[in-house]
Amino acid sequence: MTVERTLIKRQGSYLYARAFAIVVILLTVVYGGLGVVLAILTESDLDDVLDQIIFPILAFLPVLMMWLGYAGMLLAFKREAGYAIELGDDGIRETRAGREHRFIPWAGVREIEMDADLFGGMSLKAKSAFSEIAISNLDLEVTRPMNLAKIHRALSRADEIKNLLGKLKAAAPHASLRMNKLARKRLNEYALVDGH
């Protein structure tokens, strides 16, 4: 059986996290503005050295923690963006920086699992006896930088993941198919909307 070569880069989470930069900046401005307003309105005696040191540190700490958390999340997702999933004639392969990390031949795919969550996320897993390779609709739909509104609109569609499910089922017809209730409901809704 011939399978059309498909390459899926795992960069959706990184692009989604990058789109949140505007939210983090906005929160920094709001929190900083509130800090300035409180400092002006509060009549505090800053003659004491401890007050001069501790008050600014306490005011700055939440902003610093928010930025450290955001930077850590970006770094983790940037690392994940080096992974890719490749569908080919011989099977499904997960690579990192061009080197094979995991491989499942089509004959070894025992189960295809589709899951959906309440926030619009959907994922497909190709499972063998010893390993699994997961593909998210975030990686299928978000392939370039977008603003948050466009990302959420893209995640509300299921065209790409439905096409991928069809490819996996055609390449591994012997594999059993499992779906959670929400995934089944979403696919039925999309089938009604698409008229298929």
N, C-alpha and C. Protein backbone atom coordinates (compact mmCIF):
# COMPACT_ATOMS: atom_id res chain seq x y z
N MET A 1 0.84 -1.19 0.00
CA MET A 1 0.00 0.00 0.00
C MET A 1 0.88 1.24 0.00
N THR A 2 0.54 2.19 -0.84
CA THR A 2 1.30 3.43 -0.94
C THR A 2 0.63 4.49 -0.07
N VAL A 3 1.43 5.10 0.80
CA VAL A 3 0.95 6.17 1.66
C VAL A 3 1.62 7.46 1.23
N GLU A 4 0.82 8.48 1.01
CA GLU A 4 1.38 9.78 0.63
C GLU A 4 2.27 10.29 1.78
N ARG A 5 3.50 10.62 1.46
CA ARG A 5 4.43 11.10 2.49
C ARG A 5 3.90 12.39 3.09
N THR A 6 3.78 12.40 4.39
CA THR A 6 3.27 13.55 5.12
C THR A 6 4.22 13.89 6.24
N LEU A 7 4.59 15.14 6.36
CA LEU A 7 5.47 15.61 7.43
C LEU A 7 4.70 16.59 8.30
N ILE A 8 4.66 16.32 9.59
CA ILE A 8 3.96 17.17 10.55
C ILE A 8 4.97 17.65 11.57
N LYS A 9 5.20 18.94 11.62
CA LYS A 9 6.13 19.50 12.60
C LYS A 9 5.40 19.77 13.90
N ARG A 10 6.05 19.47 15.00
CA ARG A 10 5.43 19.67 16.32
C ARG A 10 5.73 21.08 16.83
N GLN A 11 5.24 22.07 16.14
CA GLN A 11 5.51 23.45 16.54
C GLN A 11 4.26 24.18 17.00
N GLY A 12 3.11 23.52 16.98
CA GLY A 12 1.86 24.17 17.35
C GLY A 12 1.85 24.72 18.76
N SER A 13 2.36 23.93 19.72
CA SER A 13 2.38 24.39 21.12
C SER A 13 3.28 25.61 21.29
N TYR A 14 4.42 25.61 20.60
CA TYR A 14 5.34 26.74 20.68
C TYR A 14 4.70 28.00 20.09
N LEU A 15 4.07 27.86 18.93
CA LEU A 15 3.42 29.02 18.30
C LEU A 15 2.26 29.53 19.14
N TYR A 16 1.54 28.60 19.79
CA TYR A 16 0.43 28.98 20.67
C TYR A 16 0.98 29.74 21.88
N ALA A 17 2.05 29.24 22.48
CA ALA A 17 2.65 29.91 23.64
C ALA A 17 3.20 31.29 23.24
N ARG A 18 3.80 31.38 22.06
CA ARG A 18 4.31 32.68 21.59
C ARG A 18 3.19 33.69 21.42
N ALA A 19 2.01 33.21 21.01
CA ALA A 19 0.88 34.12 20.82
C ALA A 19 0.42 34.72 22.14
N PHE A 20 0.75 34.06 23.26
CA PHE A 20 0.36 34.57 24.57
C PHE A 20 1.28 35.69 25.06
N ALA A 21 2.30 36.05 24.31
CA ALA A 21 3.21 37.13 24.70
C ALA A 21 2.45 38.42 24.96
N ILE A 22 1.46 38.71 24.12
CA ILE A 22 0.69 39.94 24.28
C ILE A 22 -0.07 39.94 25.61
N VAL A 23 -0.56 38.78 26.02
CA VAL A 23 -1.28 38.67 27.30
C VAL A 23 -0.32 38.90 28.46
N VAL A 24 0.88 38.32 28.37
CA VAL A 24 1.88 38.48 29.43
C VAL A 24 2.32 39.94 29.52
N ILE A 25 2.51 40.58 28.39
CA ILE A 25 2.90 42.00 28.39
C ILE A 25 1.78 42.85 28.98
N LEU A 26 0.55 42.55 28.59
CA LEU A 26 -0.60 43.28 29.12
C LEU A 26 -0.70 43.13 30.63
N LEU A 27 -0.53 41.92 31.13
CA LEU A 27 -0.57 41.69 32.58
C LEU A 27 0.56 42.42 33.29
N THR A 28 1.73 42.48 32.65
CA THR A 28 2.86 43.20 33.24
C THR A 28 2.54 44.69 33.36
N VAL A 29 1.96 45.26 32.31
CA VAL A 29 1.59 46.68 32.32
C VAL A 29 0.52 46.94 33.37
N VAL A 30 -0.50 46.07 33.42
CA VAL A 30 -1.59 46.25 34.39
C VAL A 30 -1.06 46.13 35.81
N TYR A 31 -0.28 45.09 36.07
CA TYR A 31 0.24 44.89 37.42
C TYR A 31 1.21 46.02 37.81
N GLY A 32 2.06 46.40 36.86
CA GLY A 32 2.98 47.51 37.12
C GLY A 32 2.24 48.81 37.39
N GLY A 33 1.18 49.06 36.61
CA GLY A 33 0.38 50.26 36.80
C GLY A 33 -0.31 50.26 38.17
N LEU A 34 -0.84 49.09 38.57
CA LEU A 34 -1.46 48.99 39.89
C LEU A 34 -0.44 49.24 40.99
N GLY A 35 0.77 48.72 40.79
CA GLY A 35 1.83 48.94 41.78
C GLY A 35 2.17 50.41 41.92
N VAL A 36 2.25 51.11 40.80
CA VAL A 36 2.56 52.54 40.84
C VAL A 36 1.43 53.31 41.51
N VAL A 37 0.19 52.98 41.16
CA VAL A 37 -0.96 53.66 41.77
C VAL A 37 -0.99 53.43 43.27
N LEU A 38 -0.77 52.18 43.69
CA LEU A 38 -0.76 51.89 45.13
C LEU A 38 0.38 52.61 45.84
N ALA A 39 1.53 52.70 45.19
CA ALA A 39 2.66 53.40 45.81
C ALA A 39 2.37 54.89 45.98
N ILE A 40 1.66 55.46 45.01
CA ILE A 40 1.32 56.88 45.09
C ILE A 40 0.25 57.12 46.15
N LEU A 41 -0.77 56.24 46.17
CA LEU A 41 -1.88 56.42 47.09
C LEU A 41 -1.53 56.07 48.54
N THR A 42 -0.62 55.16 48.71
CA THR A 42 -0.25 54.73 50.06
C THR A 42 0.76 55.70 50.64
N GLU A 43 0.44 56.18 51.80
CA GLU A 43 1.38 57.07 52.46
C GLU A 43 2.28 56.21 53.33
N SER A 44 3.38 55.80 52.74
CA SER A 44 4.30 54.97 53.52
C SER A 44 5.58 55.74 53.79
N ASP A 45 6.12 55.47 54.93
CA ASP A 45 7.37 56.10 55.33
C ASP A 45 8.51 55.22 54.86
N LEU A 46 9.18 55.66 53.80
CA LEU A 46 10.25 54.85 53.23
C LEU A 46 11.62 55.28 53.76
N ASP A 47 11.64 55.82 54.97
CA ASP A 47 12.92 56.21 55.54
C ASP A 47 13.73 54.99 55.95
N ASP A 48 13.05 53.95 56.29
CA ASP A 48 13.73 52.74 56.72
C ASP A 48 14.31 52.02 55.49
N VAL A 49 15.54 51.57 55.58
CA VAL A 49 16.23 50.89 54.49
C VAL A 49 15.50 49.60 54.10
N LEU A 50 14.99 48.87 55.11
CA LEU A 50 14.27 47.63 54.81
C LEU A 50 13.03 47.90 53.97
N ASP A 51 12.31 48.98 54.28
CA ASP A 51 11.14 49.33 53.47
C ASP A 51 11.54 49.66 52.04
N GLN A 52 12.67 50.31 51.88
CA GLN A 52 13.13 50.70 50.55
C GLN A 52 13.55 49.48 49.73
N ILE A 53 13.96 48.43 50.37
CA ILE A 53 14.41 47.23 49.65
C ILE A 53 13.28 46.21 49.51
N ILE A 54 12.60 45.92 50.59
CA ILE A 54 11.59 44.85 50.58
C ILE A 54 10.37 45.23 49.76
N PHE A 55 9.86 46.45 49.87
CA PHE A 55 8.65 46.84 49.15
C PHE A 55 8.82 46.68 47.63
N PRO A 56 9.89 47.19 47.02
CA PRO A 56 10.05 46.99 45.56
C PRO A 56 10.22 45.52 45.18
N ILE A 57 10.91 44.74 46.03
CA ILE A 57 11.10 43.32 45.72
C ILE A 57 9.75 42.60 45.75
N LEU A 58 8.95 42.86 46.77
CA LEU A 58 7.64 42.23 46.86
C LEU A 58 6.72 42.65 45.71
N ALA A 59 6.83 43.89 45.29
CA ALA A 59 6.01 44.37 44.18
C ALA A 59 6.47 43.75 42.86
N PHE A 60 7.76 43.52 42.71
CA PHE A 60 8.33 43.02 41.46
C PHE A 60 8.28 41.50 41.36
N LEU A 61 8.22 40.80 42.48
CA LEU A 61 8.30 39.34 42.49
C LEU A 61 7.23 38.65 41.66
N PRO A 62 5.94 39.00 41.77
CA PRO A 62 4.94 38.32 40.92
C PRO A 62 5.18 38.51 39.43
N VAL A 63 5.61 39.70 39.02
CA VAL A 63 5.91 39.94 37.61
C VAL A 63 7.09 39.09 37.17
N LEU A 64 8.11 39.03 38.01
CA LEU A 64 9.28 38.21 37.70
C LEU A 64 8.90 36.73 37.59
N MET A 65 8.08 36.24 38.51
CA MET A 65 7.65 34.84 38.48
C MET A 65 6.82 34.55 37.22
N MET A 66 5.96 35.49 36.82
CA MET A 66 5.17 35.31 35.62
C MET A 66 6.07 35.21 34.39
N TRP A 67 7.07 36.10 34.29
CA TRP A 67 7.98 36.08 33.15
C TRP A 67 8.87 34.84 33.16
N LEU A 68 9.31 34.39 34.34
CA LEU A 68 10.12 33.17 34.41
C LEU A 68 9.29 31.95 33.99
N GLY A 69 8.05 31.89 34.43
CA GLY A 69 7.17 30.80 34.03
C GLY A 69 6.90 30.80 32.54
N TYR A 70 6.68 31.98 31.99
CA TYR A 70 6.42 32.10 30.55
C TYR A 70 7.66 31.71 29.75
N ALA A 71 8.83 32.19 30.20
CA ALA A 71 10.08 31.84 29.49
C ALA A 71 10.35 30.34 29.57
N GLY A 72 10.08 29.73 30.72
CA GLY A 72 10.27 28.29 30.87
C GLY A 72 9.35 27.51 29.94
N MET A 73 8.10 27.97 29.85
CA MET A 73 7.14 27.32 28.95
C MET A 73 7.59 27.46 27.49
N LEU A 74 8.05 28.64 27.11
CA LEU A 74 8.54 28.85 25.75
C LEU A 74 9.73 27.94 25.43
N LEU A 75 10.66 27.83 26.37
CA LEU A 75 11.83 26.97 26.15
C LEU A 75 11.43 25.50 25.99
N ALA A 76 10.50 25.04 26.82
CA ALA A 76 10.05 23.64 26.73
C ALA A 76 9.37 23.39 25.39
N PHE A 77 8.51 24.30 24.96
CA PHE A 77 7.81 24.11 23.70
C PHE A 77 8.74 24.31 22.51
N LYS A 78 9.77 25.15 22.66
CA LYS A 78 10.76 25.33 21.59
C LYS A 78 11.50 24.03 21.37
N ARG A 79 11.82 23.34 22.46
CA ARG A 79 12.50 22.04 22.34
C ARG A 79 11.59 21.04 21.63
N GLU A 80 10.31 21.03 22.01
CA GLU A 80 9.35 20.13 21.37
C GLU A 80 9.20 20.44 19.88
N ALA A 81 9.39 21.71 19.49
CA ALA A 81 9.24 22.12 18.10
C ALA A 81 10.30 21.47 17.21
N GLY A 82 11.34 20.90 17.80
CA GLY A 82 12.36 20.19 17.03
C GLY A 82 11.91 18.80 16.60
N TYR A 83 10.78 18.34 17.13
CA TYR A 83 10.25 17.02 16.77
C TYR A 83 9.35 17.14 15.54
N ALA A 84 9.27 16.05 14.80
CA ALA A 84 8.38 15.98 13.65
C ALA A 84 7.85 14.56 13.53
N ILE A 85 6.69 14.43 12.93
CA ILE A 85 6.08 13.13 12.65
C ILE A 85 6.05 12.98 11.14
N GLU A 86 6.49 11.83 10.68
CA GLU A 86 6.52 11.57 9.24
C GLU A 86 5.75 10.29 8.94
N LEU A 87 4.78 10.40 8.04
CA LEU A 87 4.07 9.23 7.55
C LEU A 87 4.66 8.87 6.20
N GLY A 88 5.00 7.62 6.03
CA GLY A 88 5.58 7.17 4.76
C GLY A 88 5.08 5.79 4.41
N ASP A 89 5.61 5.21 3.34
CA ASP A 89 5.19 3.88 2.90
C ASP A 89 5.48 2.81 3.94
N ASP A 90 6.57 2.97 4.68
CA ASP A 90 6.97 1.91 5.61
C ASP A 90 6.32 2.01 6.99
N GLY A 91 5.86 3.21 7.38
CA GLY A 91 5.25 3.36 8.69
C GLY A 91 5.20 4.81 9.14
N ILE A 92 5.03 4.96 10.44
CA ILE A 92 4.97 6.29 11.05
C ILE A 92 6.21 6.47 11.90
N ARG A 93 6.85 7.61 11.73
CA ARG A 93 8.15 7.84 12.36
C ARG A 93 8.14 9.18 13.08
N GLU A 94 8.71 9.20 14.27
CA GLU A 94 8.90 10.44 15.02
C GLU A 94 10.39 10.76 14.99
N THR A 95 10.72 11.97 14.56
CA THR A 95 12.12 12.38 14.48
C THR A 95 12.37 13.60 15.35
N ARG A 96 13.60 13.74 15.76
CA ARG A 96 14.02 14.94 16.50
C ARG A 96 15.29 15.46 15.84
N ALA A 97 15.23 16.68 15.34
CA ALA A 97 16.34 17.30 14.63
C ALA A 97 16.82 16.40 13.49
N GLY A 98 15.87 15.76 12.81
CA GLY A 98 16.19 14.92 11.66
C GLY A 98 16.59 13.49 11.98
N ARG A 99 16.77 13.18 13.26
CA ARG A 99 17.18 11.82 13.65
C ARG A 99 15.97 11.06 14.18
N GLU A 100 15.90 9.80 13.80
CA GLU A 100 14.75 8.97 14.20
C GLU A 100 14.74 8.76 15.71
N HIS A 101 13.59 9.03 16.29
CA HIS A 101 13.40 8.87 17.73
C HIS A 101 12.54 7.64 18.02
N ARG A 102 11.49 7.46 17.22
CA ARG A 102 10.57 6.34 17.34
C ARG A 102 10.08 5.96 15.95
N PHE A 103 9.80 4.67 15.76
CA PHE A 103 9.26 4.21 14.48
C PHE A 103 8.28 3.07 14.73
N ILE A 104 7.14 3.13 14.07
CA ILE A 104 6.16 2.04 14.12
C ILE A 104 5.81 1.68 12.67
N PRO A 105 6.15 0.47 12.24
CA PRO A 105 5.73 0.06 10.89
C PRO A 105 4.21 -0.09 10.84
N TRP A 106 3.63 0.09 9.66
CA TRP A 106 2.17 0.03 9.56
C TRP A 106 1.64 -1.31 10.04
N ALA A 107 2.38 -2.39 9.78
CA ALA A 107 1.94 -3.71 10.22
C ALA A 107 1.94 -3.81 11.75
N GLY A 108 2.74 -2.99 12.42
CA GLY A 108 2.84 -3.02 13.88
C GLY A 108 1.85 -2.13 14.59
N VAL A 109 1.09 -1.32 13.86
CA VAL A 109 0.10 -0.46 14.49
C VAL A 109 -1.09 -1.32 14.91
N ARG A 110 -1.28 -1.46 16.19
CA ARG A 110 -2.37 -2.29 16.71
C ARG A 110 -3.63 -1.50 16.99
N GLU A 111 -3.45 -0.22 17.32
CA GLU A 111 -4.60 0.58 17.71
C GLU A 111 -4.39 2.03 17.30
N ILE A 112 -5.47 2.64 16.85
CA ILE A 112 -5.48 4.08 16.58
C ILE A 112 -6.48 4.67 17.57
N GLU A 113 -6.01 5.61 18.37
CA GLU A 113 -6.85 6.20 19.40
C GLU A 113 -7.03 7.68 19.13
N MET A 114 -8.26 8.14 19.22
CA MET A 114 -8.55 9.56 19.04
C MET A 114 -9.20 10.09 20.31
N ASP A 115 -8.64 11.19 20.83
CA ASP A 115 -9.17 11.82 22.03
C ASP A 115 -9.46 13.28 21.75
N ALA A 116 -10.47 13.80 22.44
CA ALA A 116 -10.79 15.23 22.37
C ALA A 116 -10.99 15.72 23.79
N ASP A 117 -10.71 17.01 24.00
CA ASP A 117 -10.95 17.60 25.32
C ASP A 117 -11.92 18.76 25.19
N LEU A 118 -12.30 19.32 26.32
CA LEU A 118 -13.31 20.38 26.34
C LEU A 118 -12.81 21.70 25.75
N PHE A 119 -11.50 21.86 25.61
CA PHE A 119 -10.94 23.14 25.16
C PHE A 119 -10.65 23.16 23.66
N GLY A 120 -11.13 22.15 22.92
CA GLY A 120 -10.93 22.13 21.47
C GLY A 120 -9.75 21.28 21.04
N GLY A 121 -9.01 20.76 21.99
CA GLY A 121 -7.86 19.92 21.64
C GLY A 121 -8.30 18.54 21.21
N MET A 122 -7.65 18.05 20.17
CA MET A 122 -7.88 16.68 19.70
C MET A 122 -6.51 16.06 19.42
N SER A 123 -6.41 14.76 19.63
CA SER A 123 -5.15 14.09 19.34
C SER A 123 -5.42 12.70 18.79
N LEU A 124 -4.47 12.26 17.97
CA LEU A 124 -4.48 10.92 17.41
C LEU A 124 -3.24 10.21 17.93
N LYS A 125 -3.39 8.93 18.29
CA LYS A 125 -2.25 8.14 18.71
C LYS A 125 -2.22 6.86 17.89
N ALA A 126 -1.05 6.58 17.32
CA ALA A 126 -0.81 5.30 16.68
C ALA A 126 -0.06 4.47 17.71
N LYS A 127 -0.64 3.31 18.08
CA LYS A 127 -0.05 2.51 19.15
C LYS A 127 0.39 1.15 18.62
N SER A 128 1.60 0.77 19.03
CA SER A 128 2.08 -0.58 18.76
C SER A 128 2.11 -1.32 20.09
N ALA A 129 2.69 -2.51 20.10
CA ALA A 129 2.76 -3.28 21.33
C ALA A 129 3.63 -2.60 22.38
N PHE A 130 4.65 -1.84 21.93
CA PHE A 130 5.62 -1.29 22.87
C PHE A 130 5.73 0.22 22.88
N SER A 131 5.16 0.90 21.91
CA SER A 131 5.30 2.36 21.88
C SER A 131 4.08 3.00 21.23
N GLU A 132 4.05 4.32 21.28
CA GLU A 132 2.98 5.06 20.65
C GLU A 132 3.51 6.39 20.15
N ILE A 133 2.89 6.90 19.11
CA ILE A 133 3.23 8.20 18.56
C ILE A 133 1.95 9.03 18.51
N ALA A 134 1.98 10.19 19.15
CA ALA A 134 0.79 11.04 19.24
C ALA A 134 0.93 12.26 18.34
N ILE A 135 -0.19 12.67 17.77
CA ILE A 135 -0.25 13.85 16.91
C ILE A 135 -1.42 14.70 17.37
N SER A 136 -1.18 15.98 17.60
CA SER A 136 -2.20 16.89 18.11
C SER A 136 -2.77 17.73 16.98
N ASN A 137 -4.05 18.11 17.10
CA ASN A 137 -4.62 19.01 16.10
C ASN A 137 -3.98 20.40 16.18
N LEU A 138 -3.37 20.72 17.31
CA LEU A 138 -2.64 21.98 17.43
C LEU A 138 -1.49 22.02 16.43
N ASP A 139 -0.79 20.88 16.28
CA ASP A 139 0.32 20.81 15.32
C ASP A 139 -0.18 20.76 13.88
N LEU A 140 -1.36 20.25 13.68
CA LEU A 140 -1.92 20.17 12.32
C LEU A 140 -2.49 21.50 11.85
N GLU A 141 -3.12 22.23 12.76
CA GLU A 141 -3.82 23.46 12.39
C GLU A 141 -2.97 24.72 12.52
N VAL A 142 -2.06 24.74 13.49
CA VAL A 142 -1.25 25.94 13.75
C VAL A 142 0.16 25.68 13.21
N THR A 143 0.37 26.08 11.98
CA THR A 143 1.65 25.81 11.31
C THR A 143 2.48 27.07 11.05
N ARG A 144 1.95 28.20 11.43
CA ARG A 144 2.67 29.47 11.27
C ARG A 144 2.21 30.41 12.39
N PRO A 145 2.96 31.47 12.66
CA PRO A 145 2.54 32.39 13.73
C PRO A 145 1.18 33.02 13.42
N MET A 146 0.32 33.04 14.44
CA MET A 146 -1.02 33.63 14.33
C MET A 146 -1.34 34.32 15.65
N ASN A 147 -2.35 35.19 15.62
CA ASN A 147 -2.80 35.76 16.90
C ASN A 147 -3.72 34.74 17.58
N LEU A 148 -4.04 34.99 18.85
CA LEU A 148 -4.82 34.04 19.64
C LEU A 148 -6.20 33.76 19.05
N ALA A 149 -6.85 34.78 18.53
CA ALA A 149 -8.19 34.58 17.96
C ALA A 149 -8.13 33.63 16.77
N LYS A 150 -7.14 33.80 15.89
CA LYS A 150 -7.00 32.91 14.73
C LYS A 150 -6.65 31.49 15.16
N ILE A 151 -5.83 31.37 16.20
CA ILE A 151 -5.48 30.04 16.69
C ILE A 151 -6.72 29.33 17.22
N HIS A 152 -7.54 30.03 18.00
CA HIS A 152 -8.74 29.40 18.54
C HIS A 152 -9.75 29.05 17.44
N ARG A 153 -9.83 29.88 16.40
CA ARG A 153 -10.68 29.53 15.26
C ARG A 153 -10.15 28.29 14.55
N ALA A 154 -8.83 28.23 14.39
CA ALA A 154 -8.22 27.06 13.73
C ALA A 154 -8.46 25.79 14.53
N LEU A 155 -8.41 25.89 15.85
CA LEU A 155 -8.62 24.71 16.69
C LEU A 155 -10.07 24.25 16.70
N SER A 156 -10.98 25.11 16.31
CA SER A 156 -12.39 24.71 16.28
C SER A 156 -12.69 23.86 15.04
N ARG A 157 -11.75 23.81 14.09
CA ARG A 157 -11.93 22.97 12.90
C ARG A 157 -11.31 21.61 13.15
N ALA A 158 -11.82 20.61 12.45
CA ALA A 158 -11.27 19.26 12.60
C ALA A 158 -10.92 18.65 11.25
N ASP A 159 -10.83 19.47 10.21
CA ASP A 159 -10.56 18.95 8.87
C ASP A 159 -9.24 18.18 8.81
N GLU A 160 -8.19 18.80 9.32
CA GLU A 160 -6.86 18.20 9.21
C GLU A 160 -6.76 16.89 9.99
N ILE A 161 -7.30 16.88 11.19
CA ILE A 161 -7.19 15.66 12.00
C ILE A 161 -8.09 14.56 11.44
N LYS A 162 -9.20 14.96 10.84
CA LYS A 162 -10.09 13.98 10.19
C LYS A 162 -9.38 13.36 8.98
N ASN A 163 -8.69 14.18 8.19
CA ASN A 163 -7.91 13.67 7.05
C ASN A 163 -6.80 12.73 7.51
N LEU A 164 -6.13 13.12 8.60
CA LEU A 164 -5.06 12.29 9.12
C LEU A 164 -5.60 10.95 9.64
N LEU A 165 -6.74 10.98 10.28
CA LEU A 165 -7.37 9.74 10.75
C LEU A 165 -7.65 8.83 9.56
N GLY A 166 -8.14 9.40 8.47
CA GLY A 166 -8.39 8.60 7.26
C GLY A 166 -7.11 7.98 6.73
N LYS A 167 -6.01 8.73 6.73
CA LYS A 167 -4.73 8.18 6.26
C LYS A 167 -4.24 7.04 7.15
N LEU A 168 -4.37 7.25 8.48
CA LEU A 168 -3.92 6.20 9.40
C LEU A 168 -4.77 4.93 9.25
N LYS A 169 -6.07 5.10 9.11
CA LYS A 169 -6.95 3.93 8.95
C LYS A 169 -6.67 3.20 7.65
N ALA A 170 -6.38 3.96 6.57
CA ALA A 170 -6.08 3.33 5.28
C ALA A 170 -4.73 2.61 5.32
N ALA A 171 -3.75 3.19 6.02
CA ALA A 171 -2.42 2.59 6.08
C ALA A 171 -2.37 1.39 7.03
N ALA A 172 -3.21 1.38 8.05
CA ALA A 172 -3.24 0.28 9.02
C ALA A 172 -4.68 -0.19 9.20
N PRO A 173 -5.26 -0.83 8.16
CA PRO A 173 -6.67 -1.22 8.25
C PRO A 173 -6.95 -2.28 9.32
N HIS A 174 -5.93 -3.01 9.73
CA HIS A 174 -6.08 -4.06 10.74
C HIS A 174 -6.15 -3.49 12.16
N ALA A 175 -5.76 -2.21 12.35
CA ALA A 175 -5.71 -1.61 13.69
C ALA A 175 -7.12 -1.30 14.18
N SER A 176 -7.33 -1.52 15.46
CA SER A 176 -8.63 -1.17 16.05
C SER A 176 -8.67 0.34 16.27
N LEU A 177 -9.88 0.89 16.23
CA LEU A 177 -10.06 2.34 16.40
C LEU A 177 -10.81 2.58 17.69
N ARG A 178 -10.23 3.43 18.55
CA ARG A 178 -10.88 3.82 19.80
C ARG A 178 -11.03 5.33 19.83
N MET A 179 -12.16 5.80 20.33
CA MET A 179 -12.39 7.24 20.48
C MET A 179 -13.08 7.48 21.80
N ASN A 180 -12.73 8.60 22.44
CA ASN A 180 -13.52 8.96 23.61
C ASN A 180 -14.83 9.58 23.12
N LYS A 181 -15.79 9.74 24.02
CA LYS A 181 -17.12 10.21 23.63
C LYS A 181 -17.08 11.58 22.97
N LEU A 182 -16.24 12.47 23.51
CA LEU A 182 -16.17 13.82 22.97
C LEU A 182 -15.60 13.82 21.54
N ALA A 183 -14.61 12.99 21.28
CA ALA A 183 -14.04 12.90 19.92
C ALA A 183 -15.09 12.38 18.95
N ARG A 184 -15.83 11.35 19.36
CA ARG A 184 -16.88 10.80 18.50
C ARG A 184 -17.95 11.86 18.21
N LYS A 185 -18.33 12.61 19.25
CA LYS A 185 -19.34 13.66 19.09
C LYS A 185 -18.84 14.75 18.15
N ARG A 186 -17.59 15.16 18.32
CA ARG A 186 -17.04 16.21 17.45
C ARG A 186 -16.97 15.76 16.00
N LEU A 187 -16.53 14.53 15.77
CA LEU A 187 -16.47 14.04 14.39
C LEU A 187 -17.86 13.96 13.77
N ASN A 188 -18.85 13.54 14.56
CA ASN A 188 -20.23 13.50 14.06
C ASN A 188 -20.73 14.90 13.73
N GLU A 189 -20.41 15.88 14.59
CA GLU A 189 -20.82 17.27 14.33
C GLU A 189 -20.17 17.80 13.05
N TYR A 190 -18.87 17.51 12.88
CA TYR A 190 -18.18 17.99 11.68
C TYR A 190 -18.71 17.29 10.44
N ALA A 191 -19.07 16.01 10.57
CA ALA A 191 -19.63 15.29 9.43
C ALA A 191 -20.96 15.92 9.01
N LEU A 192 -21.79 16.32 9.98
CA LEU A 192 -23.05 16.96 9.67
C LEU A 192 -22.84 18.33 9.01
N VAL A 193 -21.86 19.10 9.52
CA VAL A 193 -21.59 20.43 8.97
C VAL A 193 -21.02 20.31 7.56
N ASP A 194 -20.10 19.33 7.36
CA ASP A 194 -19.47 19.17 6.05
C ASP A 194 -20.39 18.48 5.05
N GLY A 195 -21.45 17.83 5.54
CA GLY A 195 -22.33 17.11 4.66
C GLY A 195 -21.81 15.75 4.24
N HIS A 196 -20.84 15.21 4.99
CA HIS A 196 -20.28 13.89 4.68
C HIS A 196 -20.92 12.84 5.55
